[in-house]
C-alpha atoms as a PDB file:
ATOM      1  CA  UNK A   1      97.209 102.742 117.896  1.00  0.00           C
ATOM      2  CA  UNK A   2      95.320 105.484 117.492  1.00  0.00           C
ATOM      3  CA  UNK A   3      94.325 104.889 113.859  1.00  0.00           C
ATOM      4  CA  UNK A   4      90.842 103.673 113.039  1.00  0.00           C
ATOM      5  CA  UNK A   5      88.412 103.235 109.564  1.00  0.00           C
ATOM      6  CA  UNK A   6      84.768 102.681 110.149  1.00  0.00           C
ATOM      7  CA  UNK A   7      82.291 101.058 107.500  1.00  0.00           C
ATOM      8  CA  UNK A   8      78.498 101.807 107.904  1.00  0.00           C
ATOM      9  CA  UNK A   9      76.591  98.027 107.579  1.00  0.00           C
ATOM     10  CA  UNK A  10      74.806  98.025 104.515  1.00  0.00           C
ATOM     11  CA  UNK A  11      72.228  96.378 106.332  1.00  0.00           C
ATOM     12  CA  UNK A  12      72.093  97.278 109.591  1.00  0.00           C
ATOM     13  CA  UNK A  13      72.632 100.849 109.190  1.00  0.00           C
ATOM     14  CA  UNK A  14      72.733 101.656 112.502  1.00  0.00           C
ATOM     15  CA  UNK A  15      76.255  99.480 112.755  1.00  0.00           C
ATOM     16  CA  UNK A  16      79.644 100.058 111.477  1.00  0.00           C
ATOM     17  CA  UNK A  17      82.679  97.836 111.011  1.00  0.00           C
ATOM     18  CA  UNK A  18      86.190  99.027 112.837  1.00  0.00           C
ATOM     19  CA  UNK A  19      89.527  97.819 112.762  1.00  0.00           C
ATOM     20  CA  UNK A  20      90.321  96.068 116.447  1.00  0.00           C
ATOM     21  CA  UNK A  21      92.250  98.642 119.147  1.00  0.00           C
ATOM     22  CA  UNK A  22      96.035  98.104 118.946  1.00  0.00           C
ATOM     23  CA  UNK A  23      96.707  96.001 115.819  1.00  0.00           C
ATOM     24  CA  UNK A  24      99.034  97.045 112.782  1.00  0.00           C
ATOM     25  CA  UNK A  25      96.275  98.085 110.142  1.00  0.00           C
ATOM     26  CA  UNK A  26      98.883  96.151 107.870  1.00  0.00           C
ATOM     27  CA  UNK A  27      98.151  92.811 110.150  1.00  0.00           C
ATOM     28  CA  UNK A  28      93.839  93.452 109.714  1.00  0.00           C
ATOM     29  CA  UNK A  29      92.089  90.964 108.076  1.00  0.00           C
ATOM     30  CA  UNK A  30      88.566  90.670 107.605  1.00  0.00           C
ATOM     31  CA  UNK A  31      88.227  88.216 110.188  1.00  0.00           C
ATOM     32  CA  UNK A  32      89.547  90.755 112.340  1.00  0.00           C
ATOM     33  CA  UNK A  33      87.378  93.265 112.054  1.00  0.00           C
ATOM     34  CA  UNK A  34      84.506  94.163 114.595  1.00  0.00           C
ATOM     35  CA  UNK A  35      80.667  95.288 114.120  1.00  0.00           C
ATOM     36  CA  UNK A  36      79.559  97.898 116.578  1.00  0.00           C
ATOM     37  CA  UNK A  37      76.047  99.445 117.393  1.00  0.00           C
ATOM     38  CA  UNK A  38      75.615 102.957 117.828  1.00  0.00           C
ATOM     39  CA  UNK A  39      75.777 102.637 121.808  1.00  0.00           C
ATOM     40  CA  UNK A  40      78.928 100.617 121.722  1.00  0.00           C
ATOM     41  CA  UNK A  41      77.592  97.250 122.155  1.00  0.00           C
ATOM     42  CA  UNK A  42      80.115  94.503 120.254  1.00  0.00           C
ATOM     43  CA  UNK A  43      77.821  92.993 117.874  1.00  0.00           C
ATOM     44  CA  UNK A  44      80.461  90.652 115.975  1.00  0.00           C
ATOM     45  CA  UNK A  45      83.996  90.203 117.263  1.00  0.00           C
ATOM     46  CA  UNK A  46      85.928  89.427 119.946  1.00  0.00           C
ATOM     47  CA  UNK A  47      88.861  91.785 119.895  1.00  0.00           C
ATOM     48  CA  UNK A  48      89.105  94.717 121.703  1.00  0.00           C
ATOM     49  CA  UNK A  49      87.232  98.584 120.613  1.00  0.00           C
ATOM     50  CA  UNK A  50      89.347 101.576 120.778  1.00  0.00           C
ATOM     51  CA  UNK A  51      87.102 103.888 122.753  1.00  0.00           C
ATOM     52  CA  UNK A  52      87.538 107.212 120.690  1.00  0.00           C
ATOM     53  CA  UNK A  53      87.025 105.035 117.212  1.00  0.00           C
ATOM     54  CA  UNK A  54      83.625 104.374 119.311  1.00  0.00           C
ATOM     55  CA  UNK A  55      82.937 107.978 120.186  1.00  0.00           C
ATOM     56  CA  UNK A  56      83.963 109.851 116.779  1.00  0.00           C
ATOM     57  CA  UNK A  57      82.677 107.774 114.483  1.00  0.00           C
ATOM     58  CA  UNK A  58      79.733 106.821 116.007  1.00  0.00           C
ATOM     59  CA  UNK A  59      78.895 110.551 116.015  1.00  0.00           C
ATOM     60  CA  UNK A  60      79.433 110.919 112.762  1.00  0.00           C
ATOM     61  CA  UNK A  61      77.681 107.802 111.045  1.00  0.00           C
ATOM     62  CA  UNK A  62      74.788 108.856 113.377  1.00  0.00           C
ATOM     63  CA  UNK A  63      74.771 113.033 112.211  1.00  0.00           C
ATOM     64  CA  UNK A  64      75.707 112.052 108.413  1.00  0.00           C
ATOM     65  CA  UNK A  65      73.893 109.560 106.654  1.00  0.00           C
ATOM     66  CA  UNK A  66      75.060 109.792 103.636  1.00  0.00           C
ATOM     67  CA  UNK A  67      78.464 109.067 105.423  1.00  0.00           C
ATOM     68  CA  UNK A  68      79.193 105.135 104.837  1.00  0.00           C
ATOM     69  CA  UNK A  69      82.849 105.312 105.803  1.00  0.00           C
ATOM     70  CA  UNK A  70      84.980 107.650 108.113  1.00  0.00           C
ATOM     71  CA  UNK A  71      88.945 107.558 108.712  1.00  0.00           C
ATOM     72  CA  UNK A  72      91.305 109.041 111.397  1.00  0.00           C
ATOM     73  CA  UNK A  73      94.846 108.809 112.326  1.00  0.00           C
ATOM     74  CA  UNK A  74      97.585 110.530 114.147  1.00  0.00           C
ATOM     75  CA  UNK A  75      99.759 110.867 110.906  1.00  0.00           C
ATOM     76  CA  UNK A  76     102.906 113.058 111.116  1.00  0.00           C
ATOM     77  CA  UNK A  77     102.339 115.306 108.629  1.00  0.00           C
ATOM     78  CA  UNK A  78      98.769 115.753 109.208  1.00  0.00           C
ATOM     79  CA  UNK A  79      98.782 115.814 113.521  1.00  0.00           C
ATOM     80  CA  UNK A  80     102.125 118.584 112.565  1.00  0.00           C
ATOM     81  CA  UNK A  81      99.883 120.714 110.433  1.00  0.00           C
ATOM     82  CA  UNK A  82      96.540 120.670 112.980  1.00  0.00           C
ATOM     83  CA  UNK A  83      98.597 122.608 115.646  1.00  0.00           C
ATOM     84  CA  UNK A  84      98.606 125.404 113.203  1.00  0.00           C
ATOM     85  CA  UNK A  85      94.642 125.669 113.479  1.00  0.00           C
ATOM     86  CA  UNK A  86      94.507 126.599 110.078  1.00  0.00           C
ATOM     87  CA  UNK A  87      92.935 125.231 107.028  1.00  0.00           C
ATOM     88  CA  UNK A  88      94.700 124.175 103.753  1.00  0.00           C
ATOM     89  CA  UNK A  89      95.638 126.736 101.416  1.00  0.00           C
ATOM     90  CA  UNK A  90      94.872 125.730  97.578  1.00  0.00           C
ATOM     91  CA  UNK A  91      98.545 125.760  96.476  1.00  0.00           C
ATOM     92  CA  UNK A  92      98.284 122.391  94.599  1.00  0.00           C
ATOM     93  CA  UNK A  93      95.776 120.814  92.406  1.00  0.00           C
ATOM     94  CA  UNK A  94      95.563 118.207  94.891  1.00  0.00           C
ATOM     95  CA  UNK A  95      94.715 120.834  97.836  1.00  0.00           C
ATOM     96  CA  UNK A  96      92.066 122.095  95.854  1.00  0.00           C
ATOM     97  CA  UNK A  97      89.954 118.526  96.036  1.00  0.00           C
ATOM     98  CA  UNK A  98      89.684 120.549  99.737  1.00  0.00           C
ATOM     99  CA  UNK A  99      88.627 123.683  98.818  1.00  0.00           C
ATOM    100  CA  UNK A 100      85.893 124.768 100.562  1.00  0.00           C
ATOM    101  CA  UNK A 101      85.179 121.562 101.447  1.00  0.00           C
ATOM    102  CA  UNK A 102      86.994 121.287 104.831  1.00  0.00           C
ATOM    103  CA  UNK A 103      87.336 122.680 108.246  1.00  0.00           C
ATOM    104  CA  UNK A 104      88.966 123.405 111.672  1.00  0.00           C
ATOM    105  CA  UNK A 105      87.019 121.951 114.806  1.00  0.00           C
ATOM    106  CA  UNK A 106      89.036 123.522 117.547  1.00  0.00           C
ATOM    107  CA  UNK A 107      86.745 121.870 120.499  1.00  0.00           C
ATOM    108  CA  UNK A 108      88.113 119.163 122.197  1.00  0.00           C
ATOM    109  CA  UNK A 109      91.686 119.505 120.119  1.00  0.00           C
ATOM    110  CA  UNK A 110      94.419 117.912 121.606  1.00  0.00           C
ATOM    111  CA  UNK A 111      92.795 115.837 123.972  1.00  0.00           C
ATOM    112  CA  UNK A 112      91.758 111.977 123.719  1.00  0.00           C
ATOM    113  CA  UNK A 113      88.160 111.905 122.550  1.00  0.00           C
ATOM    114  CA  UNK A 114      86.198 109.592 125.110  1.00  0.00           C
ATOM    115  CA  UNK A 115      83.491 111.608 125.839  1.00  0.00           C
ATOM    116  CA  UNK A 116      80.062 111.255 123.654  1.00  0.00           C
ATOM    117  CA  UNK A 117      79.870 115.047 123.765  1.00  0.00           C
ATOM    118  CA  UNK A 118      83.309 115.738 122.505  1.00  0.00           C
ATOM    119  CA  UNK A 119      82.102 113.438 119.440  1.00  0.00           C
ATOM    120  CA  UNK A 120      79.241 114.820 118.537  1.00  0.00           C
ATOM    121  CA  UNK A 121      81.149 118.049 118.527  1.00  0.00           C
ATOM    122  CA  UNK A 122      83.333 116.579 116.027  1.00  0.00           C
ATOM    123  CA  UNK A 123      80.913 115.504 113.840  1.00  0.00           C
ATOM    124  CA  UNK A 124      78.791 118.937 114.750  1.00  0.00           C
ATOM    125  CA  UNK A 125      82.078 120.525 113.720  1.00  0.00           C
ATOM    126  CA  UNK A 126      82.784 118.493 110.530  1.00  0.00           C
ATOM    127  CA  UNK A 127      79.403 119.635 109.041  1.00  0.00           C
ATOM    128  CA  UNK A 128      78.285 118.555 105.397  1.00  0.00           C
ATOM    129  CA  UNK A 129      82.262 118.725 104.450  1.00  0.00           C
ATOM    130  CA  UNK A 130      83.865 115.770 103.814  1.00  0.00           C
ATOM    131  CA  UNK A 131      87.350 116.297 105.835  1.00  0.00           C
ATOM    132  CA  UNK A 132      87.935 118.492 108.751  1.00  0.00           C
ATOM    133  CA  UNK A 133      91.582 119.170 110.436  1.00  0.00           C
ATOM    134  CA  UNK A 134      91.072 118.509 114.487  1.00  0.00           C
ATOM    135  CA  UNK A 135      92.911 121.545 115.881  1.00  0.00           C
ATOM    136  CA  UNK A 136      96.479 119.636 117.739  1.00  0.00           C
ATOM    137  CA  UNK A 137      94.712 116.508 116.947  1.00  0.00           C
ATOM    138  CA  UNK A 138      94.929 115.282 113.492  1.00  0.00           C
ATOM    139  CA  UNK A 139      93.112 114.630 110.434  1.00  0.00           C
ATOM    140  CA  UNK A 140      89.615 113.389 109.935  1.00  0.00           C
ATOM    141  CA  UNK A 141      87.968 112.272 105.975  1.00  0.00           C
ATOM    142  CA  UNK A 142      84.845 111.000 105.480  1.00  0.00           C
ATOM    143  CA  UNK A 143      83.054 109.329 102.031  1.00  0.00           C
ATOM    144  CA  UNK A 144      80.595 107.775 100.268  1.00  0.00           C
ATOM    145  CA  UNK A 145      82.871 104.312 100.050  1.00  0.00           C
ATOM    146  CA  UNK A 146      85.790 103.153 102.053  1.00  0.00           C
ATOM    147  CA  UNK A 147      87.917 103.955  99.193  1.00  0.00           C
ATOM    148  CA  UNK A 148      86.754 107.170  99.229  1.00  0.00           C
ATOM    149  CA  UNK A 149      87.340 107.782 102.391  1.00  0.00           C
ATOM    150  CA  UNK A 150      90.967 106.454 102.534  1.00  0.00           C
ATOM    151  CA  UNK A 151      91.648 108.363  99.641  1.00  0.00           C
ATOM    152  CA  UNK A 152      91.084 111.800 100.998  1.00  0.00           C
ATOM    153  CA  UNK A 153      92.997 110.529 104.065  1.00  0.00           C
ATOM    154  CA  UNK A 154      95.868 110.221 102.389  1.00  0.00           C
ATOM    155  CA  UNK A 155      95.972 112.599  99.868  1.00  0.00           C
ATOM    156  CA  UNK A 156      95.093 115.093 102.600  1.00  0.00           C
ATOM    157  CA  UNK A 157      98.164 114.026 104.520  1.00  0.00           C
ATOM    158  CA  UNK A 158     100.380 114.627 101.491  1.00  0.00           C
ATOM    159  CA  UNK A 159      98.758 118.214 101.181  1.00  0.00           C
ATOM    160  CA  UNK A 160      99.948 118.920 104.636  1.00  0.00           C
ATOM    161  CA  UNK A 161     103.216 117.591 103.711  1.00  0.00           C
ATOM    162  CA  UNK A 162     103.544 119.761 100.756  1.00  0.00           C
ATOM    163  CA  UNK A 163     102.020 123.019 102.267  1.00  0.00           C
ATOM    164  CA  UNK A 164     104.343 122.668 105.585  1.00  0.00           C
ATOM    165  CA  UNK A 165     107.491 122.598 102.951  1.00  0.00           C
ATOM    166  CA  UNK A 166     106.371 125.174 100.734  1.00  0.00           C
ATOM    167  CA  UNK A 167     105.921 127.667 103.643  1.00  0.00           C
ATOM    168  CA  UNK A 168     109.081 126.132 105.275  1.00  0.00           C
ATOM    169  CA  UNK A 169     110.345 127.198 102.095  1.00  0.00           C
ATOM    170  CA  UNK A 170     108.750 130.844 101.388  1.00  0.00           C
ATOM    171  CA  UNK A 171     105.427 132.123 101.314  1.00  0.00           C
ATOM    172  CA  UNK A 172     103.661 129.746  98.625  1.00  0.00           C
ATOM    173  CA  UNK A 173     101.084 131.420  96.097  1.00  0.00           C
ATOM    174  CA  UNK A 174      98.046 130.755  96.241  1.00  0.00           C
ATOM    175  CA  UNK A 175      95.419 129.255  93.167  1.00  0.00           C
ATOM    176  CA  UNK A 176      92.745 131.869  92.578  1.00  0.00           C
ATOM    177  CA  UNK A 177      89.413 130.765  94.331  1.00  0.00           C
ATOM    178  CA  UNK A 178      87.658 130.490  90.806  1.00  0.00           C
ATOM    179  CA  UNK A 179      90.015 127.944  89.606  1.00  0.00           C
ATOM    180  CA  UNK A 180      90.488 126.208  93.137  1.00  0.00           C
ATOM    181  CA  UNK A 181      86.827 125.827  93.105  1.00  0.00           C
ATOM    182  CA  UNK A 182      86.639 124.187  89.386  1.00  0.00           C
ATOM    183  CA  UNK A 183      89.129 121.804  89.989  1.00  0.00           C
ATOM    184  CA  UNK A 184      87.637 120.892  93.222  1.00  0.00           C
ATOM    185  CA  UNK A 185      84.464 120.072  91.178  1.00  0.00           C
ATOM    186  CA  UNK A 186      86.781 118.096  88.586  1.00  0.00           C
ATOM    187  CA  UNK A 187      88.678 115.952  91.011  1.00  0.00           C
ATOM    188  CA  UNK A 188      87.042 116.140  94.909  1.00  0.00           C
ATOM    189  CA  UNK A 189      83.600 114.482  93.851  1.00  0.00           C
ATOM    190  CA  UNK A 190      82.570 111.388  95.369  1.00  0.00           C
ATOM    191  CA  UNK A 191      83.826 108.917  92.489  1.00  0.00           C
ATOM    192  CA  UNK A 192      87.408 110.869  91.802  1.00  0.00           C
ATOM    193  CA  UNK A 193      87.880 109.697  95.540  1.00  0.00           C
ATOM    194  CA  UNK A 194      87.213 106.265  94.731  1.00  0.00           C
ATOM    195  CA  UNK A 195      88.843 105.922  91.740  1.00  0.00           C
ATOM    196  CA  UNK A 196      91.795 107.568  93.156  1.00  0.00           C
ATOM    197  CA  UNK A 197      91.891 104.928  95.513  1.00  0.00           C
ATOM    198  CA  UNK A 198      92.055 102.067  93.076  1.00  0.00           C
ATOM    199  CA  UNK A 199      95.874 101.642  92.468  1.00  0.00           C
ATOM    200  CA  UNK A 200      96.369 101.399  96.084  1.00  0.00           C
ATOM    201  CA  UNK A 201      94.046  98.994  96.059  1.00  0.00           C
ATOM    202  CA  UNK A 202      95.612  96.831  93.677  1.00  0.00           C
ATOM    203  CA  UNK A 203      98.894  96.882  95.346  1.00  0.00           C
ATOM    204  CA  UNK A 204      97.308  96.141  98.769  1.00  0.00           C
ATOM    205  CA  UNK A 205      95.789  93.114  97.172  1.00  0.00           C
ATOM    206  CA  UNK A 206      98.512  91.835  95.537  1.00  0.00           C
ATOM    207  CA  UNK A 207     101.290  92.419  98.162  1.00  0.00           C
ATOM    208  CA  UNK A 208      98.989  91.185 100.825  1.00  0.00           C
ATOM    209  CA  UNK A 209      96.825  88.345  99.701  1.00  0.00           C
ATOM    210  CA  UNK A 210      95.745  86.804 103.523  1.00  0.00           C
ATOM    211  CA  UNK A 211      93.533  90.170 103.881  1.00  0.00           C
ATOM    212  CA  UNK A 212      90.837  88.528 103.151  1.00  0.00           C
ATOM    213  CA  UNK A 213      90.762  85.525 105.947  1.00  0.00           C
END
């Protein structure tokens, strides 16, 4: 119910496509997608639009012309980690992809984001980063493709899980900043995010061929 992915339309660049409100991601097909402009007007599609999806994504797409896609959901480990109000530590190679490239946004955390000003605050807090941890809410990632944004979300959720597990067991050892920065440069750029998602995409295409209806 609370998850949404958007993709900027390649021709109408002040419009974006979004999944319908109240529909399982697994069941969404191409024909179910909704085209919305930055004022909230539905241009194509008949299913309902999640108000929070419009408010957050319209603000981000407006503030970041480089962003093609954005992803947000209330994943278990992401929302648990968000309650800590801290960024991910560089304790694994995967987490290093976000080193110095994600932020914690505290404003509006925990509340349903329905007000346009709250959406703009989240977009401002995200800044030029590829991801944000919205305190007491969940994770938000962006990319230059749907694949990239989706992969950053998947791996960020898993990195939150890994850090929670490590902290429950003891005090994790941090990767030195110089090494973490080097790893981010090797694994955290847009093409790397896109490429990392391709095995998942191949699996989705094979298991859910009706996706393209």
